[in-house]
PDB file of N, CA and C in Angstrom:
ATOM      1  N   MET A   1       0.856  -1.175   0.000  1.00  0.00           N
ATOM      2  CA  MET A   1       0.000   0.000   0.000  1.00  0.00           C
ATOM      3  C   MET A   1       0.897   1.231   0.000  1.00  0.00           C
ATOM      4  N   TYR A   2       0.535   2.198  -0.806  1.00  0.00           N
ATOM      5  CA  TYR A   2       1.218   3.476  -0.728  1.00  0.00           C
ATOM      6  C   TYR A   2       0.247   4.576  -1.099  1.00  0.00           C
ATOM      7  N   GLU A   3       0.493   5.727  -0.533  1.00  0.00           N
ATOM      8  CA  GLU A   3      -0.368   6.869  -0.789  1.00  0.00           C
ATOM      9  C   GLU A   3       0.431   7.857  -1.619  1.00  0.00           C
ATOM     10  N   ARG A   4      -0.192   8.338  -2.685  1.00  0.00           N
ATOM     11  CA  ARG A   4       0.487   9.298  -3.553  1.00  0.00           C
ATOM     12  C   ARG A   4      -0.127  10.671  -3.358  1.00  0.00           C
ATOM     13  N   LYS A   5       0.726  11.669  -3.239  1.00  0.00           N
ATOM     14  CA  LYS A   5       0.256  13.049  -3.185  1.00  0.00           C
ATOM     15  C   LYS A   5       1.189  13.873  -4.059  1.00  0.00           C
ATOM     16  N   GLN A   6       0.740  14.192  -5.232  1.00  0.00           N
ATOM     17  CA  GLN A   6       1.498  15.064  -6.097  1.00  0.00           C
ATOM     18  C   GLN A   6       0.504  15.770  -7.003  1.00  0.00           C
ATOM     19  N   ASN A   7       0.729  17.016  -7.216  1.00  0.00           N
ATOM     20  CA  ASN A   7      -0.166  17.814  -8.054  1.00  0.00           C
ATOM     21  C   ASN A   7      -1.618  17.689  -7.604  1.00  0.00           C
ATOM     22  N   ASN A   8      -1.850  17.745  -6.311  1.00  0.00           N
ATOM     23  CA  ASN A   8      -3.180  17.664  -5.713  1.00  0.00           C
ATOM     24  C   ASN A   8      -3.846  16.315  -5.909  1.00  0.00           C
ATOM     25  N   PHE A   9      -3.136  15.324  -6.417  1.00  0.00           N
ATOM     26  CA  PHE A   9      -3.695  13.987  -6.564  1.00  0.00           C
ATOM     27  C   PHE A   9      -3.682  13.316  -5.200  1.00  0.00           C
ATOM     28  N   LYS A  10      -4.840  12.811  -4.796  1.00  0.00           N
ATOM     29  CA  LYS A  10      -4.938  12.119  -3.518  1.00  0.00           C
ATOM     30  C   LYS A  10      -5.504  10.744  -3.790  1.00  0.00           C
ATOM     31  N   GLY A  11      -4.661   9.722  -3.615  1.00  0.00           N
ATOM     32  CA  GLY A  11      -5.105   8.378  -3.914  1.00  0.00           C
ATOM     33  C   GLY A  11      -4.423   7.334  -3.058  1.00  0.00           C
ATOM     34  N   LEU A  12      -4.998   6.152  -3.085  1.00  0.00           N
ATOM     35  CA  LEU A  12      -4.475   4.999  -2.365  1.00  0.00           C
ATOM     36  C   LEU A  12      -4.428   3.846  -3.346  1.00  0.00           C
ATOM     37  N   THR A  13      -3.255   3.232  -3.507  1.00  0.00           N
ATOM     38  CA  THR A  13      -3.119   2.103  -4.415  1.00  0.00           C
ATOM     39  C   THR A  13      -2.907   0.830  -3.617  1.00  0.00           C
ATOM     40  N   LEU A  14      -3.722  -0.168  -3.906  1.00  0.00           N
ATOM     41  CA  LEU A  14      -3.619  -1.478  -3.287  1.00  0.00           C
ATOM     42  C   LEU A  14      -3.240  -2.472  -4.380  1.00  0.00           C
ATOM     43  N   LYS A  15      -2.336  -3.385  -4.055  1.00  0.00           N
ATOM     44  CA  LYS A  15      -1.901  -4.371  -5.041  1.00  0.00           C
ATOM     45  C   LYS A  15      -2.415  -5.750  -4.655  1.00  0.00           C
ATOM     46  N   VAL A  16      -2.865  -6.475  -5.665  1.00  0.00           N
ATOM     47  CA  VAL A  16      -3.280  -7.857  -5.501  1.00  0.00           C
ATOM     48  C   VAL A  16      -2.371  -8.678  -6.399  1.00  0.00           C
ATOM     49  N   TYR A  17      -1.875  -9.785  -5.861  1.00  0.00           N
ATOM     50  CA  TYR A  17      -0.901 -10.579  -6.596  1.00  0.00           C
ATOM     51  C   TYR A  17      -1.551 -11.735  -7.348  1.00  0.00           C
ATOM     52  N   LYS A  18      -0.862 -12.189  -8.374  1.00  0.00           N
ATOM     53  CA  LYS A  18      -1.324 -13.274  -9.229  1.00  0.00           C
ATOM     54  C   LYS A  18      -1.616 -14.510  -8.374  1.00  0.00           C
ATOM     55  N   ASN A  19      -2.739 -15.161  -8.651  1.00  0.00           N
ATOM     56  CA  ASN A  19      -3.140 -16.380  -7.957  1.00  0.00           C
ATOM     57  C   ASN A  19      -2.296 -17.537  -8.477  1.00  0.00           C
ATOM     58  N   LYS A  20      -1.341 -18.010  -7.674  1.00  0.00           N
ATOM     59  CA  LYS A  20      -0.437 -19.082  -8.098  1.00  0.00           C
ATOM     60  C   LYS A  20      -1.140 -20.430  -8.156  1.00  0.00           C
ATOM     61  N   TYR A  21      -2.271 -20.544  -7.489  1.00  0.00           N
ATOM     62  CA  TYR A  21      -2.946 -21.831  -7.377  1.00  0.00           C
ATOM     63  C   TYR A  21      -4.218 -21.901  -8.222  1.00  0.00           C
ATOM     64  N   LYS A  22      -4.286 -21.097  -9.253  1.00  0.00           N
ATOM     65  CA  LYS A  22      -5.461 -21.114 -10.128  1.00  0.00           C
ATOM     66  C   LYS A  22      -5.482 -22.442 -10.883  1.00  0.00           C
ATOM     67  N   ASN A  23      -6.492 -23.263 -10.578  1.00  0.00           N
ATOM     68  CA  ASN A  23      -6.552 -24.571 -11.216  1.00  0.00           C
ATOM     69  C   ASN A  23      -7.878 -24.828 -11.915  1.00  0.00           C
ATOM     70  N   LYS A  24      -8.799 -23.873 -11.833  1.00  0.00           N
ATOM     71  CA  LYS A  24     -10.093 -24.013 -12.498  1.00  0.00           C
ATOM     72  C   LYS A  24     -10.352 -22.761 -13.333  1.00  0.00           C
ATOM     73  N   PRO A  25     -11.116 -22.893 -14.403  1.00  0.00           N
ATOM     74  CA  PRO A  25     -11.452 -21.708 -15.200  1.00  0.00           C
ATOM     75  C   PRO A  25     -12.237 -20.678 -14.400  1.00  0.00           C
ATOM     76  N   THR A  26     -12.921 -21.121 -13.338  1.00  0.00           N
ATOM     77  CA  THR A  26     -13.712 -20.187 -12.525  1.00  0.00           C
ATOM     78  C   THR A  26     -12.902 -19.556 -11.395  1.00  0.00           C
ATOM     79  N   SER A  27     -11.632 -19.966 -11.217  1.00  0.00           N
ATOM     80  CA  SER A  27     -10.782 -19.371 -10.184  1.00  0.00           C
ATOM     81  C   SER A  27     -10.416 -17.948 -10.564  1.00  0.00           C
ATOM     82  N   TYR A  28     -10.101 -17.160  -9.560  1.00  0.00           N
ATOM     83  CA  TYR A  28      -9.722 -15.765  -9.792  1.00  0.00           C
ATOM     84  C   TYR A  28      -8.273 -15.665 -10.248  1.00  0.00           C
ATOM     85  N   ASP A  29      -8.021 -14.738 -11.171  1.00  0.00           N
ATOM     86  CA  ASP A  29      -6.656 -14.514 -11.652  1.00  0.00           C
ATOM     87  C   ASP A  29      -5.782 -13.895 -10.573  1.00  0.00           C
ATOM     88  N   PHE A  30      -6.364 -13.027  -9.738  1.00  0.00           N
ATOM     89  CA  PHE A  30      -5.650 -12.346  -8.673  1.00  0.00           C
ATOM     90  C   PHE A  30      -6.431 -12.535  -7.381  1.00  0.00           C
ATOM     91  N   LYS A  31      -5.719 -12.682  -6.258  1.00  0.00           N
ATOM     92  CA  LYS A  31      -6.380 -12.895  -4.974  1.00  0.00           C
ATOM     93  C   LYS A  31      -5.670 -12.117  -3.875  1.00  0.00           C
ATOM     94  N   GLY A  32      -6.440 -11.749  -2.846  1.00  0.00           N
ATOM     95  CA  GLY A  32      -5.872 -11.097  -1.673  1.00  0.00           C
ATOM     96  C   GLY A  32      -6.847 -11.202  -0.521  1.00  0.00           C
ATOM     97  N   ASP A  33      -6.395 -10.883   0.675  1.00  0.00           N
ATOM     98  CA  ASP A  33      -7.221 -10.932   1.873  1.00  0.00           C
ATOM     99  C   ASP A  33      -8.147  -9.727   1.901  1.00  0.00           C
ATOM    100  N   GLY A  34      -9.443  -9.962   1.814  1.00  0.00           N
ATOM    101  CA  GLY A  34     -10.421  -8.874   1.733  1.00  0.00           C
ATOM    102  C   GLY A  34     -10.482  -8.019   2.980  1.00  0.00           C
ATOM    103  N   ASP A  35     -10.480  -8.654   4.165  1.00  0.00           N
ATOM    104  CA  ASP A  35     -10.598  -7.883   5.404  1.00  0.00           C
ATOM    105  C   ASP A  35      -9.351  -7.054   5.672  1.00  0.00           C
ATOM    106  N   GLU A  36      -8.225  -7.735   5.797  1.00  0.00           N
ATOM    107  CA  GLU A  36      -6.990  -7.034   6.147  1.00  0.00           C
ATOM    108  C   GLU A  36      -6.478  -6.170   5.008  1.00  0.00           C
ATOM    109  N   PHE A  37      -6.532  -6.716   3.820  1.00  0.00           N
ATOM    110  CA  PHE A  37      -5.897  -6.038   2.695  1.00  0.00           C
ATOM    111  C   PHE A  37      -6.702  -4.858   2.182  1.00  0.00           C
ATOM    112  N   PHE A  38      -7.991  -5.060   1.981  1.00  0.00           N
ATOM    113  CA  PHE A  38      -8.785  -3.988   1.395  1.00  0.00           C
ATOM    114  C   PHE A  38      -9.539  -3.169   2.421  1.00  0.00           C
ATOM    115  N   LEU A  39     -10.398  -3.803   3.167  1.00  0.00           N
ATOM    116  CA  LEU A  39     -11.315  -3.059   4.021  1.00  0.00           C
ATOM    117  C   LEU A  39     -10.594  -2.231   5.081  1.00  0.00           C
ATOM    118  N   LYS A  40      -9.605  -2.808   5.726  1.00  0.00           N
ATOM    119  CA  LYS A  40      -8.886  -2.076   6.775  1.00  0.00           C
ATOM    120  C   LYS A  40      -8.118  -0.890   6.195  1.00  0.00           C
ATOM    121  N   LYS A  41      -7.340  -1.127   5.162  1.00  0.00           N
ATOM    122  CA  LYS A  41      -6.514  -0.059   4.582  1.00  0.00           C
ATOM    123  C   LYS A  41      -7.364   1.009   3.909  1.00  0.00           C
ATOM    124  N   LEU A  42      -8.386   0.587   3.174  1.00  0.00           N
ATOM    125  CA  LEU A  42      -9.252   1.557   2.511  1.00  0.00           C
ATOM    126  C   LEU A  42     -10.034   2.357   3.544  1.00  0.00           C
ATOM    127  N   GLY A  43     -10.521   1.681   4.582  1.00  0.00           N
ATOM    128  CA  GLY A  43     -11.259   2.366   5.639  1.00  0.00           C
ATOM    129  C   GLY A  43     -10.415   3.413   6.352  1.00  0.00           C
ATOM    130  N   GLU A  44      -9.179   3.059   6.660  1.00  0.00           N
ATOM    131  CA  GLU A  44      -8.278   4.018   7.314  1.00  0.00           C
ATOM    132  C   GLU A  44      -8.032   5.233   6.424  1.00  0.00           C
ATOM    133  N   TRP A  45      -7.848   4.987   5.140  1.00  0.00           N
ATOM    134  CA  TRP A  45      -7.588   6.085   4.202  1.00  0.00           C
ATOM    135  C   TRP A  45      -8.805   6.995   4.095  1.00  0.00           C
ATOM    136  N   LEU A  46      -9.999   6.384   3.978  1.00  0.00           N
ATOM    137  CA  LEU A  46     -11.224   7.179   3.855  1.00  0.00           C
ATOM    138  C   LEU A  46     -11.519   7.994   5.113  1.00  0.00           C
ATOM    139  N   LYS A  47     -11.092   7.500   6.264  1.00  0.00           N
ATOM    140  CA  LYS A  47     -11.341   8.188   7.533  1.00  0.00           C
ATOM    141  C   LYS A  47     -10.280   9.235   7.868  1.00  0.00           C
ATOM    142  N   SER A  48      -9.218   9.306   7.083  1.00  0.00           N
ATOM    143  CA  SER A  48      -8.169  10.293   7.361  1.00  0.00           C
ATOM    144  C   SER A  48      -8.744  11.703   7.190  1.00  0.00           C
ATOM    145  N   PRO A  49      -8.289  12.668   8.013  1.00  0.00           N
ATOM    146  CA  PRO A  49      -8.861  14.018   7.968  1.00  0.00           C
ATOM    147  C   PRO A  49      -8.805  14.671   6.586  1.00  0.00           C
ATOM    148  N   ASP A  50      -7.722  14.491   5.881  1.00  0.00           N
ATOM    149  CA  ASP A  50      -7.561  15.106   4.561  1.00  0.00           C
ATOM    150  C   ASP A  50      -8.596  14.574   3.572  1.00  0.00           C
ATOM    151  N   ILE A  51      -8.793  13.263   3.564  1.00  0.00           N
ATOM    152  CA  ILE A  51      -9.741  12.652   2.626  1.00  0.00           C
ATOM    153  C   ILE A  51     -11.173  12.953   3.048  1.00  0.00           C
ATOM    154  N   LYS A  52     -11.458  12.930   4.347  1.00  0.00           N
ATOM    155  CA  LYS A  52     -12.804  13.275   4.817  1.00  0.00           C
ATOM    156  C   LYS A  52     -13.176  14.689   4.398  1.00  0.00           C
ATOM    157  N   GLN A  53     -12.217  15.606   4.481  1.00  0.00           N
ATOM    158  CA  GLN A  53     -12.465  16.993   4.086  1.00  0.00           C
ATOM    159  C   GLN A  53     -12.809  17.078   2.600  1.00  0.00           C
ATOM    160  N   GLU A  54     -12.075  16.347   1.776  1.00  0.00           N
ATOM    161  CA  GLU A  54     -12.334  16.338   0.330  1.00  0.00           C
ATOM    162  C   GLU A  54     -13.726  15.773   0.036  1.00  0.00           C
ATOM    163  N   ARG A  55     -14.078  14.657   0.704  1.00  0.00           N
ATOM    164  CA  ARG A  55     -15.378  14.020   0.474  1.00  0.00           C
ATOM    165  C   ARG A  55     -16.515  14.910   0.969  1.00  0.00           C
ATOM    166  N   ASP A  56     -16.308  15.579   2.125  1.00  0.00           N
ATOM    167  CA  ASP A  56     -17.326  16.490   2.656  1.00  0.00           C
ATOM    168  C   ASP A  56     -17.547  17.683   1.732  1.00  0.00           C
ATOM    169  N   ALA A  57     -16.516  18.031   0.959  1.00  0.00           N
ATOM    170  CA  ALA A  57     -16.624  19.130  -0.001  1.00  0.00           C
ATOM    171  C   ALA A  57     -17.328  18.692  -1.288  1.00  0.00           C
ATOM    172  N   GLY A  58     -17.764  17.438  -1.336  1.00  0.00           N
ATOM    173  CA  GLY A  58     -18.516  16.964  -2.499  1.00  0.00           C
ATOM    174  C   GLY A  58     -17.690  16.326  -3.590  1.00  0.00           C
ATOM    175  N   LYS A  59     -16.419  16.084  -3.329  1.00  0.00           N
ATOM    176  CA  LYS A  59     -15.588  15.447  -4.359  1.00  0.00           C
ATOM    177  C   LYS A  59     -15.840  13.949  -4.355  1.00  0.00           C
ATOM    178  N   PRO A  60     -16.015  13.349  -5.542  1.00  0.00           N
ATOM    179  CA  PRO A  60     -16.362  11.932  -5.625  1.00  0.00           C
ATOM    180  C   PRO A  60     -15.152  11.017  -5.438  1.00  0.00           C
ATOM    181  N   LEU A  61     -15.434   9.821  -4.951  1.00  0.00           N
ATOM    182  CA  LEU A  61     -14.428   8.775  -4.857  1.00  0.00           C
ATOM    183  C   LEU A  61     -14.444   8.012  -6.176  1.00  0.00           C
ATOM    184  N   LYS A  62     -13.278   7.853  -6.787  1.00  0.00           N
ATOM    185  CA  LYS A  62     -13.166   7.157  -8.070  1.00  0.00           C
ATOM    186  C   LYS A  62     -12.220   5.976  -7.904  1.00  0.00           C
ATOM    187  N   VAL A  63     -12.244   5.078  -8.868  1.00  0.00           N
ATOM    188  CA  VAL A  63     -11.378   3.903  -8.817  1.00  0.00           C
ATOM    189  C   VAL A  63     -10.811   3.619 -10.200  1.00  0.00           C
ATOM    190  N   GLY A  64      -9.563   3.189 -10.224  1.00  0.00           N
ATOM    191  CA  GLY A  64      -8.902   2.792 -11.456  1.00  0.00           C
ATOM    192  C   GLY A  64      -8.186   1.461 -11.227  1.00  0.00           C
ATOM    193  N   VAL A  65      -8.135   0.615 -12.246  1.00  0.00           N
ATOM    194  CA  VAL A  65      -7.512  -0.705 -12.121  1.00  0.00           C
ATOM    195  C   VAL A  65      -6.593  -0.930 -13.311  1.00  0.00           C
ATOM    196  N   ARG A  66      -5.421  -1.484 -13.021  1.00  0.00           N
ATOM    197  CA  ARG A  66      -4.507  -1.858 -14.103  1.00  0.00           C
ATOM    198  C   ARG A  66      -3.656  -3.042 -13.655  1.00  0.00           C
ATOM    199  N   THR A  67      -3.175  -3.793 -14.613  1.00  0.00           N
ATOM    200  CA  THR A  67      -2.260  -4.886 -14.307  1.00  0.00           C
ATOM    201  C   THR A  67      -0.862  -4.470 -14.713  1.00  0.00           C
ATOM    202  N   THR A  68       0.106  -4.921 -13.942  1.00  0.00           N
ATOM    203  CA  THR A  68       1.504  -4.623 -14.234  1.00  0.00           C
ATOM    204  C   THR A  68       2.318  -5.901 -14.106  1.00  0.00           C
ATOM    205  N   GLU A  69       3.470  -5.895 -14.742  1.00  0.00           N
ATOM    206  CA  GLU A  69       4.378  -7.035 -14.614  1.00  0.00           C
ATOM    207  C   GLU A  69       5.786  -6.497 -14.435  1.00  0.00           C
ATOM    208  N   TYR A  70       6.475  -7.023 -13.420  1.00  0.00           N
ATOM    209  CA  TYR A  70       7.846  -6.606 -13.145  1.00  0.00           C
ATOM    210  C   TYR A  70       8.646  -7.848 -12.800  1.00  0.00           C
ATOM    211  N   LYS A  71       9.639  -8.133 -13.594  1.00  0.00           N
ATOM    212  CA  LYS A  71      10.507  -9.295 -13.405  1.00  0.00           C
ATOM    213  C   LYS A  71       9.706 -10.587 -13.262  1.00  0.00           C
ATOM    214  N   GLY A  72       8.696 -10.736 -14.107  1.00  0.00           N
ATOM    215  CA  GLY A  72       7.902 -11.950 -14.128  1.00  0.00           C
ATOM    216  C   GLY A  72       6.804 -12.033 -13.089  1.00  0.00           C
ATOM    217  N   ASN A  73       6.703 -11.053 -12.209  1.00  0.00           N
ATOM    218  CA  ASN A  73       5.646 -11.044 -11.201  1.00  0.00           C
ATOM    219  C   ASN A  73       4.520 -10.132 -11.652  1.00  0.00           C
ATOM    220  N   GLU A  74       3.360 -10.704 -11.872  1.00  0.00           N
ATOM    221  CA  GLU A  74       2.210  -9.937 -12.344  1.00  0.00           C
ATOM    222  C   GLU A  74       1.352  -9.520 -11.153  1.00  0.00           C
ATOM    223  N   THR A  75       0.954  -8.260 -11.135  1.00  0.00           N
ATOM    224  CA  THR A  75       0.085  -7.749 -10.074  1.00  0.00           C
ATOM    225  C   THR A  75      -1.065  -6.968 -10.678  1.00  0.00           C
ATOM    226  N   CYS A  76      -2.102  -6.820  -9.891  1.00  0.00           N
ATOM    227  CA  CYS A  76      -3.239  -5.984 -10.249  1.00  0.00           C
ATOM    228  C   CYS A  76      -3.243  -4.819  -9.267  1.00  0.00           C
ATOM    229  N   GLU A  77      -3.171  -3.606  -9.774  1.00  0.00           N
ATOM    230  CA  GLU A  77      -3.167  -2.417  -8.928  1.00  0.00           C
ATOM    231  C   GLU A  77      -4.540  -1.771  -8.978  1.00  0.00           C
ATOM    232  N   ILE A  78      -5.110  -1.559  -7.806  1.00  0.00           N
ATOM    233  CA  ILE A  78      -6.409  -0.914  -7.683  1.00  0.00           C
ATOM    234  C   ILE A  78      -6.177   0.397  -6.950  1.00  0.00           C
ATOM    235  N   THR A  79      -6.468   1.505  -7.626  1.00  0.00           N
ATOM    236  CA  THR A  79      -6.244   2.824  -7.043  1.00  0.00           C
ATOM    237  C   THR A  79      -7.576   3.512  -6.789  1.00  0.00           C
ATOM    238  N   PHE A  80      -7.782   3.898  -5.542  1.00  0.00           N
ATOM    239  CA  PHE A  80      -8.928   4.712  -5.158  1.00  0.00           C
ATOM    240  C   PHE A  80      -8.404   6.137  -5.075  1.00  0.00           C
ATOM    241  N   TYR A  81      -9.137   7.089  -5.642  1.00  0.00           N
ATOM    242  CA  TYR A  81      -8.653   8.460  -5.631  1.00  0.00           C
ATOM    243  C   TYR A  81      -9.813   9.438  -5.572  1.00  0.00           C
ATOM    244  N   ILE A  82      -9.481  10.655  -5.180  1.00  0.00           N
ATOM    245  CA  ILE A  82     -10.467  11.729  -5.095  1.00  0.00           C
ATOM    246  C   ILE A  82     -10.535  12.410  -6.452  1.00  0.00           C
ATOM    247  N   GLY A  83     -11.733  12.434  -7.024  1.00  0.00           N
ATOM    248  CA  GLY A  83     -11.937  13.063  -8.326  1.00  0.00           C
ATOM    249  C   GLY A  83     -12.489  14.470  -8.183  1.00  0.00           C
ATOM    250  N   GLN A  84     -12.762  15.063  -9.300  1.00  0.00           N
ATOM    251  CA  GLN A  84     -13.350  16.397  -9.327  1.00  0.00           C
ATOM    252  C   GLN A  84     -14.852  16.267  -9.545  1.00  0.00           C
ATOM    253  N   PRO A  85     -15.633  17.092  -8.865  1.00  0.00           N
ATOM    254  CA  PRO A  85     -17.081  17.023  -9.085  1.00  0.00           C
ATOM    255  C   PRO A  85     -17.427  17.392 -10.520  1.00  0.00           C
ATOM    256  N   LYS A  86     -18.505  16.806 -11.017  1.00  0.00           N
ATOM    257  CA  LYS A  86     -18.962  17.131 -12.370  1.00  0.00           C
ATOM    258  C   LYS A  86     -19.505  18.548 -12.386  1.00  0.00           C
ATOM    259  N   GLN A  87     -19.261  19.221 -13.489  1.00  0.00           N
ATOM    260  CA  GLN A  87     -19.767  20.581 -13.652  1.00  0.00           C
ATOM    261  C   GLN A  87     -21.269  20.518 -13.907  1.00  0.00           C
ATOM    262  N   GLN A  88     -22.014  21.313 -13.188  1.00  0.00           N
ATOM    263  CA  GLN A  88     -23.461  21.365 -13.381  1.00  0.00           C
ATOM    264  C   GLN A  88     -23.769  22.393 -14.465  1.00  0.00           C
ATOM    265  N   SER A  89     -24.573  21.989 -15.428  1.00  0.00           N
ATOM    266  CA  SER A  89     -24.950  22.889 -16.499  1.00  0.00           C
ATOM    267  C   SER A  89     -26.470  22.912 -16.590  1.00  0.00           C
ATOM    268  N   ASN A  90     -27.049  24.098 -16.586  1.00  0.00           N
ATOM    269  CA  ASN A  90     -28.505  24.218 -16.628  1.00  0.00           C
ATOM    270  C   ASN A  90     -29.057  24.187 -18.038  1.00  0.00           C
ATOM    271  N   ASP A  91     -28.317  24.716 -18.985  1.00  0.00           N
ATOM    272  CA  ASP A  91     -28.817  24.790 -20.357  1.00  0.00           C
ATOM    273  C   ASP A  91     -27.747  24.234 -21.296  1.00  0.00           C
ATOM    274  N   LEU A  92     -27.897  22.992 -21.699  1.00  0.00           N
ATOM    275  CA  LEU A  92     -26.897  22.355 -22.543  1.00  0.00           C
ATOM    276  C   LEU A  92     -26.865  22.926 -23.951  1.00  0.00           C
ATOM    277  N   VAL A  93     -27.947  23.512 -24.409  1.00  0.00           N
ATOM    278  CA  VAL A  93     -28.003  24.046 -25.775  1.00  0.00           C
ATOM    279  C   VAL A  93     -27.064  25.239 -25.928  1.00  0.00           C
ATOM    280  N   ASP A  94     -26.913  26.032 -24.881  1.00  0.00           N
ATOM    281  CA  ASP A  94     -26.075  27.220 -24.963  1.00  0.00           C
ATOM    282  C   ASP A  94     -24.595  26.946 -24.677  1.00  0.00           C
ATOM    283  N   ASP A  95     -24.253  25.720 -24.266  1.00  0.00           N
ATOM    284  CA  ASP A  95     -22.863  25.424 -23.968  1.00  0.00           C
ATOM    285  C   ASP A  95     -22.095  25.193 -25.263  1.00  0.00           C
ATOM    286  N   PRO A  96     -20.959  25.882 -25.446  1.00  0.00           N
ATOM    287  CA  PRO A  96     -20.163  25.659 -26.655  1.00  0.00           C
ATOM    288  C   PRO A  96     -19.474  24.294 -26.594  1.00  0.00           C
ATOM    289  N   LEU A  97     -19.424  23.607 -27.712  1.00  0.00           N
ATOM    290  CA  LEU A  97     -18.722  22.344 -27.786  1.00  0.00           C
ATOM    291  C   LEU A  97     -17.238  22.644 -28.019  1.00  0.00           C
ATOM    292  N   THR A  98     -16.394  21.956 -27.295  1.00  0.00           N
ATOM    293  CA  THR A  98     -14.960  22.172 -27.459  1.00  0.00           C
ATOM    294  C   THR A  98     -14.295  20.875 -27.854  1.00  0.00           C
ATOM    295  N   GLU A  99     -13.077  20.981 -28.346  1.00  0.00           N
ATOM    296  CA  GLU A  99     -12.351  19.796 -28.776  1.00  0.00           C
ATOM    297  C   GLU A  99     -11.997  18.874 -27.608  1.00  0.00           C
ATOM    298  N   ASP A 100     -11.837  19.423 -26.409  1.00  0.00           N
ATOM    299  CA  ASP A 100     -11.437  18.587 -25.297  1.00  0.00           C
ATOM    300  C   ASP A 100     -12.617  18.100 -24.474  1.00  0.00           C
ATOM    301  N   ALA A 101     -13.807  18.108 -25.058  1.00  0.00           N
ATOM    302  CA  ALA A 101     -14.996  17.608 -24.356  1.00  0.00           C
ATOM    303  C   ALA A 101     -14.833  16.107 -24.108  1.00  0.00           C
ATOM    304  N   PRO A 102     -15.343  15.588 -22.978  1.00  0.00           N
ATOM    305  CA  PRO A 102     -15.157  14.182 -22.653  1.00  0.00           C
ATOM    306  C   PRO A 102     -16.037  13.217 -23.436  1.00  0.00           C
ATOM    307  N   PHE A 103     -16.780  13.688 -24.427  1.00  0.00           N
ATOM    308  CA  PHE A 103     -17.642  12.792 -25.189  1.00  0.00           C
ATOM    309  C   PHE A 103     -17.294  12.823 -26.660  1.00  0.00           C
TER     310      PHE A 103
END
């Protein structure tokens, strides 16, 4: 687990390691301890004063997932981070379309 803070980015990354004992097609590719690994660490992060302040200000909690491989060890990284609230627009017809629009 590590917490990143750079350029106002506030996130928590948790890693899950490749399941070495996957023997069925229905087995999970990656496994980890749900209570200790996720719930405890994520709960502590969410309860920290800095993150509580961001959430109380209306900023949404977002999640990103990616797989990485380093020296033959494959991991799945799950990052929880504080996002920016969506801009509220009352009249979509009057909004100019720009090249960097998210759609």
